[in-house]
């Protein structure tokens, strides 16, 4: 029963994250800038996370000047991910921006190889090849549609994958013994400072705060920065790391399906084939490694 609850929590957390592109796209359709959306999102996330941290009376044990700076720098990577991810959506269909950002899966494996000297197993290399094949179909490259798209959007999309992979890599190494709530709040502090520096010229344009911008920012904050960590924190201890990684990949079809249904973006059958290949590759990497580990043990 515990496993089932953990699975449900992680599926919910990943599903919530899949709805963030809708709010970002709506923000751009209302005429708000990338800076305005990011500024208000970070401010709301900052106050929500710190409020929850203080209400829960989270522990500050294990904090020192060095790891506070490290945690905040790690938070800057999620701030950069937000900038690049939404920036990609400003120029590209949300479905393509999501596919580009999802390349963090294989980029993360490369980062582990370079910095942690963890050489990928043959099955992992095969999974990376499958993911790249899936991207080829999912990006609609076959129909030549990608050629006419703005390169700025494509570059932002790939950069979001690198910064998100960097965030995941660093968050697994930095101050891991510190209370997760305290870490999350310090991370959002780092990302808020970064966004304020990058979009300094946009700060005066946020006030007076319009109701449409507030609604969009609340949606992005709740579905992107508050609800997913809450459900991941509740579900992750109840399942294995491999199962958690497979479950979080549900974000990809949820995000693309919501973009198709709510934003009326056209997703071709061939693109769905590509998305399916990406999901199979992620599951294959996690389950395959575990399967061969069990076989070897026996």
Protein backbone atom coordinates (compact mmCIF):
# COMPACT_ATOMS: atom_id res chain seq x y z
CA UNK A 1 0.00 0.00 0.00
CA UNK A 2 2.90 2.34 0.78
CA UNK A 3 4.35 1.80 -2.69
CA UNK A 4 1.01 2.64 -4.29
CA UNK A 5 0.75 5.89 -2.34
CA UNK A 6 4.31 6.81 -3.35
CA UNK A 7 3.52 6.10 -7.02
CA UNK A 8 0.37 8.27 -6.85
CA UNK A 9 2.23 11.15 -5.17
CA UNK A 10 5.03 11.16 -7.77
CA UNK A 11 2.59 10.87 -10.69
CA UNK A 12 0.62 13.83 -9.31
CA UNK A 13 3.77 15.90 -8.80
CA UNK A 14 5.03 15.25 -12.34
CA UNK A 15 1.54 15.86 -13.78
CA UNK A 16 1.30 19.25 -12.05
CA UNK A 17 4.67 20.25 -13.52
CA UNK A 18 3.32 19.33 -16.96
CA UNK A 19 0.78 22.16 -16.80
CA UNK A 20 3.31 25.01 -16.39
CA UNK A 21 3.70 25.62 -20.18
CA UNK A 22 0.00 26.54 -20.42
CA UNK A 23 0.40 29.43 -17.98
CA UNK A 24 3.61 30.64 -19.66
CA UNK A 25 1.99 30.58 -23.11
CA UNK A 26 -1.09 32.39 -21.81
CA UNK A 27 1.19 35.04 -20.31
CA UNK A 28 2.84 35.68 -23.68
CA UNK A 29 -0.58 35.76 -25.41
CA UNK A 30 -1.65 38.51 -22.95
CA UNK A 31 1.39 40.53 -24.00
CA UNK A 32 3.53 40.04 -20.89
CA UNK A 33 7.30 39.79 -21.30
CA UNK A 34 9.60 36.93 -20.31
CA UNK A 35 10.97 39.14 -17.52
CA UNK A 36 7.57 40.05 -16.09
CA UNK A 37 6.42 36.41 -15.94
CA UNK A 38 9.67 35.25 -14.32
CA UNK A 39 9.82 38.09 -11.77
CA UNK A 40 6.29 37.61 -10.45
CA UNK A 41 6.61 33.81 -10.53
CA UNK A 42 9.81 33.88 -8.45
CA UNK A 43 8.45 36.39 -5.92
CA UNK A 44 5.32 34.27 -5.34
CA UNK A 45 7.39 31.04 -5.15
CA UNK A 46 9.78 32.75 -2.69
CA UNK A 47 6.99 33.81 -0.31
CA UNK A 48 5.05 30.54 -0.61
CA UNK A 49 8.05 28.28 0.03
CA UNK A 50 9.47 30.35 2.90
CA UNK A 51 5.99 30.57 4.49
CA UNK A 52 5.56 26.79 4.31
CA UNK A 53 9.11 26.26 5.62
CA UNK A 54 8.47 28.48 8.64
CA UNK A 55 4.96 27.07 9.27
CA UNK A 56 6.39 23.52 9.24
CA UNK A 57 9.20 24.72 11.51
CA UNK A 58 11.74 23.10 9.22
CA UNK A 59 15.19 22.49 10.68
CA UNK A 60 18.11 24.81 9.88
CA UNK A 61 20.57 22.24 11.24
CA UNK A 62 23.68 21.63 9.16
CA UNK A 63 23.68 25.05 7.50
CA UNK A 64 26.85 27.12 7.26
CA UNK A 65 28.03 30.04 5.13
CA UNK A 66 29.66 27.76 2.56
CA UNK A 67 26.71 25.44 1.90
CA UNK A 68 24.16 28.30 2.00
CA UNK A 69 26.04 29.85 -0.95
CA UNK A 70 26.24 26.44 -2.67
CA UNK A 71 22.49 25.85 -2.24
CA UNK A 72 21.66 29.31 -3.60
CA UNK A 73 23.97 28.83 -6.61
CA UNK A 74 22.20 25.51 -7.28
CA UNK A 75 18.93 27.46 -7.10
CA UNK A 76 20.30 29.81 -9.78
CA UNK A 77 20.32 26.84 -12.17
CA UNK A 78 16.55 26.35 -11.71
CA UNK A 79 16.14 30.11 -12.25
CA UNK A 80 18.08 29.82 -15.52
CA UNK A 81 15.95 26.80 -16.49
CA UNK A 82 12.81 28.88 -15.99
CA UNK A 83 14.25 31.71 -18.13
CA UNK A 84 15.38 29.43 -20.97
CA UNK A 85 12.30 27.14 -20.84
CA UNK A 86 9.78 29.98 -21.00
CA UNK A 87 12.05 31.84 -23.43
CA UNK A 88 11.89 28.84 -25.74
CA UNK A 89 8.07 28.90 -25.53
CA UNK A 90 8.06 32.54 -26.59
CA UNK A 91 9.33 31.44 -30.03
CA UNK A 92 8.31 27.79 -30.35
CA UNK A 93 5.18 25.67 -29.86
CA UNK A 94 4.99 24.55 -26.22
CA UNK A 95 5.13 20.89 -27.31
CA UNK A 96 8.54 21.36 -28.98
CA UNK A 97 9.93 23.44 -26.08
CA UNK A 98 8.97 20.59 -23.72
CA UNK A 99 10.67 17.95 -25.92
CA UNK A 100 13.87 20.05 -26.05
CA UNK A 101 13.87 20.58 -22.27
CA UNK A 102 13.39 16.84 -21.75
CA UNK A 103 16.86 16.22 -23.16
CA UNK A 104 18.03 16.74 -19.57
CA UNK A 105 17.68 12.93 -19.22
CA UNK A 106 20.70 12.05 -21.39
CA UNK A 107 22.59 15.27 -20.59
CA UNK A 108 22.40 14.29 -16.90
CA UNK A 109 23.98 10.92 -17.72
CA UNK A 110 26.84 12.71 -19.55
CA UNK A 111 27.35 15.06 -16.56
CA UNK A 112 27.61 12.04 -14.23
CA UNK A 113 30.19 10.54 -16.59
CA UNK A 114 32.31 13.72 -16.78
CA UNK A 115 32.16 14.94 -13.18
CA UNK A 116 31.47 11.79 -11.13
CA UNK A 117 33.42 9.39 -13.38
CA UNK A 118 30.36 7.11 -13.53
CA UNK A 119 30.67 5.52 -16.96
CA UNK A 120 27.28 4.79 -18.55
CA UNK A 121 26.45 1.11 -19.00
CA UNK A 122 25.89 -0.20 -22.56
CA UNK A 123 22.13 -0.26 -21.88
CA UNK A 124 22.29 3.44 -20.93
CA UNK A 125 24.11 4.32 -24.16
CA UNK A 126 21.42 2.41 -26.09
CA UNK A 127 18.76 4.39 -24.18
CA UNK A 128 20.44 7.70 -25.17
CA UNK A 129 20.40 6.62 -28.84
CA UNK A 130 16.69 5.75 -28.50
CA UNK A 131 15.95 9.14 -26.90
CA UNK A 132 17.69 10.95 -29.78
CA UNK A 133 15.69 8.87 -32.31
CA UNK A 134 12.53 9.78 -30.39
CA UNK A 135 13.48 13.48 -30.51
CA UNK A 136 13.99 13.21 -34.29
CA UNK A 137 10.36 12.10 -34.72
CA UNK A 138 8.84 14.13 -31.86
CA UNK A 139 10.29 17.42 -33.15
CA UNK A 140 8.56 16.86 -36.52
CA UNK A 141 11.94 17.07 -38.25
CA UNK A 142 10.75 14.46 -40.77
CA UNK A 143 8.18 16.88 -42.21
CA UNK A 144 10.75 19.66 -42.37
CA UNK A 145 8.74 21.85 -39.96
CA UNK A 146 11.71 22.47 -37.65
CA UNK A 147 13.74 24.23 -40.37
CA UNK A 148 11.55 27.33 -40.41
CA UNK A 149 11.49 27.77 -36.63
CA UNK A 150 13.44 30.58 -34.91
CA UNK A 151 16.91 29.40 -33.90
CA UNK A 152 16.66 31.53 -30.75
CA UNK A 153 13.82 29.31 -29.50
CA UNK A 154 15.73 26.11 -30.32
CA UNK A 155 18.86 27.38 -28.54
CA UNK A 156 16.83 28.43 -25.47
CA UNK A 157 15.18 24.97 -25.42
CA UNK A 158 18.52 23.12 -25.46
CA UNK A 159 19.97 25.50 -22.85
CA UNK A 160 17.00 24.75 -20.56
CA UNK A 161 17.85 21.03 -20.81
CA UNK A 162 21.49 21.70 -19.83
CA UNK A 163 20.62 23.95 -16.88
CA UNK A 164 17.92 21.55 -15.63
CA UNK A 165 20.33 18.60 -15.87
CA UNK A 166 22.88 20.73 -14.00
CA UNK A 167 20.31 21.53 -11.32
CA UNK A 168 19.43 17.85 -10.81
CA UNK A 169 23.13 16.90 -10.72
CA UNK A 170 24.06 19.63 -8.20
CA UNK A 171 20.96 19.18 -6.01
CA UNK A 172 21.99 15.56 -5.48
CA UNK A 173 25.46 16.61 -4.28
CA UNK A 174 25.01 19.89 -2.37
CA UNK A 175 24.04 19.95 1.35
CA UNK A 176 22.00 16.73 1.05
CA UNK A 177 21.71 16.43 4.85
CA UNK A 178 19.96 19.80 5.22
CA UNK A 179 16.15 19.76 5.67
CA UNK A 180 14.55 19.56 2.16
CA UNK A 181 12.19 22.47 2.96
CA UNK A 182 15.07 24.70 4.03
CA UNK A 183 17.08 23.69 0.94
CA UNK A 184 14.13 24.40 -1.38
CA UNK A 185 13.58 27.82 0.18
CA UNK A 186 17.27 28.74 -0.14
CA UNK A 187 17.26 27.50 -3.74
CA UNK A 188 14.28 29.67 -4.62
CA UNK A 189 16.08 32.59 -2.92
CA UNK A 190 19.03 32.06 -5.26
CA UNK A 191 16.82 31.81 -8.34
CA UNK A 192 14.84 34.93 -7.30
CA UNK A 193 18.04 36.99 -6.94
CA UNK A 194 19.25 35.75 -10.35
CA UNK A 195 15.95 36.63 -12.06
CA UNK A 196 15.98 40.10 -10.45
CA UNK A 197 19.53 40.71 -11.78
CA UNK A 198 18.79 39.39 -15.31
CA UNK A 199 15.49 41.28 -15.65
CA UNK A 200 16.36 44.38 -13.63
CA UNK A 201 14.93 46.68 -16.33
CA UNK A 202 11.57 44.82 -16.18
CA UNK A 203 11.03 45.30 -12.43
CA UNK A 204 9.32 48.74 -12.73
CA UNK A 205 6.93 47.35 -15.41
CA UNK A 206 5.49 44.76 -12.99
CA UNK A 207 3.81 47.42 -10.83
CA UNK A 208 0.96 48.11 -10.57
CA UNK A 209 0.38 44.34 -10.61
CA UNK A 210 -2.39 43.39 -13.04
CA UNK A 211 -4.80 40.58 -12.17
CA UNK A 212 -3.99 38.62 -15.37
CA UNK A 213 -0.25 38.65 -14.65
CA UNK A 214 -0.90 37.69 -11.02
CA UNK A 215 -3.13 34.75 -12.06
CA UNK A 216 -0.53 33.48 -14.54
CA UNK A 217 2.30 33.82 -12.03
CA UNK A 218 0.31 32.04 -9.30
CA UNK A 219 -0.42 29.20 -11.75
CA UNK A 220 3.23 28.87 -12.81
CA UNK A 221 4.42 29.07 -9.18
CA UNK A 222 1.96 26.51 -7.80
CA UNK A 223 2.29 24.02 -10.66
CA UNK A 224 6.01 24.58 -11.20
CA UNK A 225 7.66 25.42 -7.87
CA UNK A 226 5.36 24.48 -4.98
CA UNK A 227 3.10 21.46 -5.67
CA UNK A 228 5.64 19.19 -7.48
CA UNK A 229 8.28 19.40 -4.69
CA UNK A 230 5.55 18.77 -2.10
CA UNK A 231 4.37 15.58 -3.80
CA UNK A 232 7.89 14.44 -4.73
CA UNK A 233 9.00 14.89 -1.11
CA UNK A 234 6.03 12.76 0.03
CA UNK A 235 6.37 10.07 -2.65
CA UNK A 236 10.12 9.67 -3.25
CA UNK A 237 10.89 7.87 0.07
CA UNK A 238 8.19 5.28 -0.73
CA UNK A 239 9.59 4.12 -4.09
CA UNK A 240 13.01 3.30 -5.55
CA UNK A 241 15.00 5.95 -7.43
CA UNK A 242 14.62 4.09 -10.73
CA UNK A 243 10.84 3.86 -10.41
CA UNK A 244 10.68 7.56 -9.44
CA UNK A 245 12.60 8.53 -12.61
CA UNK A 246 10.23 6.51 -14.80
CA UNK A 247 7.16 7.98 -13.10
CA UNK A 248 8.35 11.59 -13.44
CA UNK A 249 8.62 11.10 -17.22
CA UNK A 250 4.80 11.26 -17.33
CA UNK A 251 5.36 15.03 -17.34
CA UNK A 252 6.25 14.81 -21.05
CA UNK A 253 2.95 13.37 -22.42
CA UNK A 254 0.89 15.39 -19.90
CA UNK A 255 2.55 18.65 -20.97
CA UNK A 256 2.17 17.89 -24.68
CA UNK A 257 -1.41 16.65 -24.28
CA UNK A 258 -2.37 19.79 -22.34
CA UNK A 259 -0.67 21.96 -25.01
CA UNK A 260 -2.67 20.09 -27.65
CA UNK A 261 -6.05 20.27 -25.86
CA UNK A 262 -5.86 23.66 -24.12
CA UNK A 263 -3.53 25.65 -26.42
CA UNK A 264 -4.83 23.90 -29.58
CA UNK A 265 -1.33 23.00 -30.75
CA UNK A 266 -1.20 20.37 -33.50
CA UNK A 267 0.67 17.22 -32.49
CA UNK A 268 0.97 14.72 -35.38
CA UNK A 269 0.78 10.91 -34.98
CA UNK A 270 4.49 10.72 -35.89
CA UNK A 271 5.29 13.13 -33.04
CA UNK A 272 3.37 10.90 -30.61
CA UNK A 273 5.47 7.95 -31.87
CA UNK A 274 8.59 9.98 -31.04
CA UNK A 275 7.26 10.81 -27.57
CA UNK A 276 6.49 7.13 -26.97
CA UNK A 277 10.06 6.18 -28.02
CA UNK A 278 11.49 8.73 -25.51
CA UNK A 279 9.33 7.32 -22.68
CA UNK A 280 10.23 3.71 -23.58
CA UNK A 281 13.94 4.67 -23.63
CA UNK A 282 13.70 6.18 -20.12
CA UNK A 283 11.89 3.09 -18.78
CA UNK A 284 14.30 0.79 -20.65
CA UNK A 285 17.31 2.52 -19.06
CA UNK A 286 15.92 2.25 -15.51
CA UNK A 287 14.30 -1.19 -15.67
CA UNK A 288 17.01 -2.71 -17.89
CA UNK A 289 19.82 -1.76 -15.50
CA UNK A 290 17.87 -3.18 -12.55
CA UNK A 291 17.06 -6.38 -14.49
CA UNK A 292 20.70 -7.07 -15.39
CA UNK A 293 21.78 -6.20 -11.83
CA UNK A 294 19.36 -8.84 -10.47
CA UNK A 295 20.51 -11.42 -13.08
CA UNK A 296 24.15 -10.77 -12.18
CA UNK A 297 23.39 -11.11 -8.45
CA UNK A 298 21.68 -14.49 -8.98
